[in-house]
Structures are given as C-alpha cells and as structure tokens.
Amino acid sequence: MINKKLRNYSFLILSIFIFLLDFFSKYFLINFYDLGSKGRVYITSFLDFILVLNPGISFGILSNGNDTQRWTLSFLSILVIFYLYYWSTKSPSKIIKISLFVMIGGALGNVFDRLIYGKVIDFISLHVFDYYWYVFNIADIAIVLGGLTILTDLTRDSFVKK
C-alpha cells in the first residue's frame, strides 16, 4: 500500500515538474529576455520566440472571447484535469499513467495562465521558409506528447490483441 502511494506521488511530482518547466520558461522569456518588447527573437532558421497571448484554445479557436469565456474555459480545464487524474487511478498501465500526469502538468500550466493573466502565454514559433506553424508553449507540448503516447499505446494494444 505504501509503495503504491509513493508511485502516485512520483507521478504527481512529474506533473509539478512539467508545470514548473512551463511556468519558468514563460517567466524567463518575459522578464529576463524581455520578449514582450523585442517582438520576434530569431533563434535558428526554423525556430523563433514571439510573445502571443491566446484568449482561446488550441490553434486560435475561440480567440475573440470575453471574460465569461475565460472562466468557462478555466472551469472546463479544471474538470478535465480531475478526469485525467481519475483515469490515472483506474489505469493499470504505467505508460498511460505517466502520459496522463504529463498532460495534467501541461493543463495546469495553461489553466494557471488563464486564471492569472486571462490568456495563455505562447512563445514557441516553428517555421519552414515562409510557412509558420501555430505559436505554442511547453504546456502544449506536454499535452500533445501525453495524448499521442496514450493514442499510440491504445492503438498498439488493439493491433497486438488481434
């Protein structure tokens, strides 16, 4: 029983680590690198840092929102975090649990931004020549990687069982 509780705490530490990585990357870029006043900062031929405050959800969807939308999205995100945690308690798969807690850490990062600033802070801009992808953050990377890992694991299991 104690061993199981320790494992759950280690998963929780993973979520906190993701959250802190997201928080401090934004904090450093805004406060020490002065990203807000510099505009676009060119890192490589395919990577820039640019400050984007996103009031909506992924890919700029719902970007014309008001304060009601801010609180609604925050509330829904918190519900999703609780659901992901609940799912983690029911899953026997260690890879699924790790992925869920990675997603929880990312979701916490974005919820924190939305609650404190009213918008999610995005800053990573990938591009090839003149084609620019959406601007995102560390929390978004964690959510996508966790989701893709779960999808891959569940898909692999369905093919292996056949």
Protein backbone atom coordinates (compact mmCIF):
# COMPACT_ATOMS: atom_id res chain seq x y z
CA MET A 1 0.00 0.00 0.00
CA ILE A 2 2.81 2.42 0.89
CA ASN A 3 4.65 1.54 -2.31
CA LYS A 4 1.56 2.39 -4.39
CA LYS A 5 1.21 5.76 -2.63
CA LEU A 6 4.88 6.53 -3.31
CA ARG A 7 4.36 5.78 -7.01
CA ASN A 8 1.35 8.10 -7.11
CA TYR A 9 3.45 10.85 -5.51
CA SER A 10 6.20 10.31 -8.09
CA PHE A 11 3.60 10.75 -10.85
CA LEU A 12 2.37 13.91 -9.13
CA ILE A 13 5.96 15.19 -8.98
CA LEU A 14 6.13 14.67 -12.76
CA SER A 15 3.07 16.92 -13.19
CA ILE A 16 4.57 19.56 -10.93
CA PHE A 17 7.85 19.40 -12.87
CA ILE A 18 6.03 19.95 -16.20
CA PHE A 19 4.05 22.82 -14.68
CA LEU A 20 7.21 24.47 -13.29
CA LEU A 21 9.12 23.99 -16.55
CA ASP A 22 6.27 25.72 -18.40
CA PHE A 23 5.96 28.49 -15.80
CA PHE A 24 9.67 29.30 -15.59
CA SER A 25 10.18 29.20 -19.38
CA LYS A 26 7.47 31.87 -19.74
CA TYR A 27 8.72 33.83 -16.75
CA PHE A 28 12.32 33.85 -18.00
CA LEU A 29 11.42 34.83 -21.55
CA ILE A 30 9.09 37.64 -20.48
CA ASN A 31 11.04 39.06 -17.52
CA PHE A 32 14.71 38.40 -18.27
CA TYR A 33 14.71 38.15 -22.04
CA ASP A 34 12.17 40.98 -22.39
CA LEU A 35 10.28 39.08 -25.07
CA GLY A 36 7.29 41.41 -24.83
CA SER A 37 9.18 44.44 -26.16
CA LYS A 38 11.60 42.72 -28.56
CA GLY A 39 8.95 41.32 -30.88
CA ARG A 40 10.24 38.25 -32.67
CA VAL A 41 13.56 36.80 -31.50
CA TYR A 42 15.24 34.61 -34.09
CA ILE A 43 16.86 31.52 -32.56
CA THR A 44 17.54 29.36 -35.64
CA SER A 45 16.40 29.27 -39.25
CA PHE A 46 13.29 27.35 -38.16
CA LEU A 47 12.67 28.50 -34.55
CA ASP A 48 11.70 31.92 -33.20
CA PHE A 49 10.39 33.15 -29.89
CA ILE A 50 7.48 35.57 -30.05
CA LEU A 51 5.04 36.56 -27.33
CA VAL A 52 1.44 35.63 -28.15
CA LEU A 53 -1.37 35.93 -25.61
CA ASN A 54 -4.06 33.43 -26.56
CA PRO A 55 -7.51 34.02 -25.02
CA GLY A 56 -8.96 30.99 -26.82
CA ILE A 57 -7.98 27.36 -27.13
CA SER A 58 -5.65 25.46 -29.46
CA PHE A 59 -4.89 26.83 -32.92
CA GLY A 60 -6.51 30.18 -32.14
CA ILE A 61 -10.01 28.74 -31.87
CA LEU A 62 -12.31 31.00 -29.78
CA SER A 63 -9.75 33.79 -29.81
CA ASN A 64 -12.42 36.52 -29.69
CA GLY A 65 -13.56 35.54 -26.21
CA ASN A 66 -14.63 37.66 -23.28
CA ASP A 67 -14.33 37.22 -19.51
CA THR A 68 -17.18 34.70 -19.42
CA GLN A 69 -15.29 32.53 -21.89
CA ARG A 70 -12.12 32.85 -19.79
CA TRP A 71 -13.85 31.49 -16.69
CA THR A 72 -15.77 28.84 -18.64
CA LEU A 73 -12.58 27.54 -20.28
CA SER A 74 -10.79 27.60 -16.92
CA PHE A 75 -13.59 25.64 -15.26
CA LEU A 76 -13.72 23.08 -18.10
CA SER A 77 -9.93 22.70 -17.98
CA ILE A 78 -10.05 22.03 -14.25
CA LEU A 79 -12.74 19.40 -14.83
CA VAL A 80 -10.53 17.76 -17.46
CA ILE A 81 -7.59 17.75 -15.02
CA PHE A 82 -9.73 15.96 -12.42
CA TYR A 83 -10.91 13.48 -15.06
CA LEU A 84 -7.32 12.78 -16.17
CA TYR A 85 -6.36 12.17 -12.55
CA TYR A 86 -9.36 9.85 -12.07
CA TRP A 87 -8.40 7.96 -15.24
CA SER A 88 -4.86 7.59 -13.90
CA THR A 89 -6.17 5.93 -10.73
CA LYS A 90 -8.05 3.35 -12.80
CA SER A 91 -5.39 2.58 -15.39
CA PRO A 92 -3.14 -0.43 -14.77
CA SER A 93 -0.70 0.76 -17.48
CA LYS A 94 2.35 2.66 -16.26
CA ILE A 95 2.86 4.38 -19.64
CA ILE A 96 -0.76 5.59 -19.61
CA LYS A 97 -0.34 6.93 -16.06
CA ILE A 98 2.88 8.74 -16.95
CA SER A 99 1.23 10.23 -20.05
CA LEU A 100 -1.81 11.35 -18.06
CA PHE A 101 0.34 13.08 -15.46
CA VAL A 102 2.38 14.77 -18.21
CA MET A 103 -0.90 16.04 -19.65
CA ILE A 104 -2.06 17.15 -16.19
CA GLY A 105 1.14 19.19 -15.77
CA GLY A 106 0.60 20.85 -19.14
CA ALA A 107 -3.05 21.54 -18.43
CA LEU A 108 -2.13 23.07 -15.06
CA GLY A 109 0.31 25.40 -16.84
CA ASN A 110 -2.32 26.66 -19.25
CA VAL A 111 -5.03 26.94 -16.57
CA PHE A 112 -2.64 28.95 -14.39
CA ASP A 113 -2.05 31.39 -17.26
CA ARG A 114 -5.75 31.72 -17.96
CA LEU A 115 -6.61 32.33 -14.30
CA ILE A 116 -3.76 34.76 -13.59
CA TYR A 117 -3.37 36.61 -16.90
CA GLY A 118 -6.72 35.94 -18.58
CA LYS A 119 -4.89 34.43 -21.56
CA VAL A 120 -2.48 31.59 -22.23
CA ILE A 121 1.09 32.70 -22.88
CA ASP A 122 2.54 31.13 -26.04
CA PHE A 123 6.03 31.82 -27.36
CA ILE A 124 7.49 28.98 -29.46
CA SER A 125 7.19 29.59 -33.20
CA LEU A 126 8.32 26.92 -35.67
CA HIS A 127 8.55 27.63 -39.38
CA VAL A 128 9.92 26.41 -42.67
CA PHE A 129 10.71 29.20 -45.13
CA ASP A 130 7.57 31.38 -45.07
CA TYR A 131 5.26 28.72 -43.63
CA TYR A 132 4.69 29.35 -39.91
CA TRP A 133 3.05 26.87 -37.57
CA TYR A 134 0.92 27.98 -34.62
CA VAL A 135 2.71 29.52 -31.66
CA PHE A 136 2.70 27.25 -28.61
CA ASN A 137 4.35 26.68 -25.21
CA ILE A 138 5.88 23.92 -23.07
CA ALA A 139 2.46 23.05 -21.60
CA ASP A 140 1.06 22.50 -25.10
CA ILE A 141 3.99 20.21 -25.93
CA ALA A 142 3.30 18.16 -22.78
CA ILE A 143 -0.41 17.85 -23.57
CA VAL A 144 0.21 16.77 -27.17
CA LEU A 145 3.01 14.33 -26.28
CA GLY A 146 0.94 12.78 -23.49
CA GLY A 147 -2.08 12.44 -25.78
CA LEU A 148 -0.06 10.96 -28.65
CA THR A 149 1.62 8.49 -26.29
CA ILE A 150 -1.78 7.35 -24.98
CA LEU A 151 -3.15 7.08 -28.51
CA THR A 152 -0.11 5.11 -29.65
CA ASP A 153 -0.27 2.79 -26.65
CA LEU A 154 -4.00 2.13 -27.04
CA THR A 155 -3.65 1.62 -30.80
CA ARG A 156 -0.68 -0.71 -30.34
CA ASP A 157 -2.65 -2.77 -27.84
CA SER A 158 -5.58 -3.11 -30.23
CA PHE A 159 -3.29 -4.36 -33.02
CA VAL A 160 -1.37 -6.72 -30.75
CA LYS A 161 -4.54 -8.38 -29.43
CA LYS A 162 -5.84 -9.25 -32.90
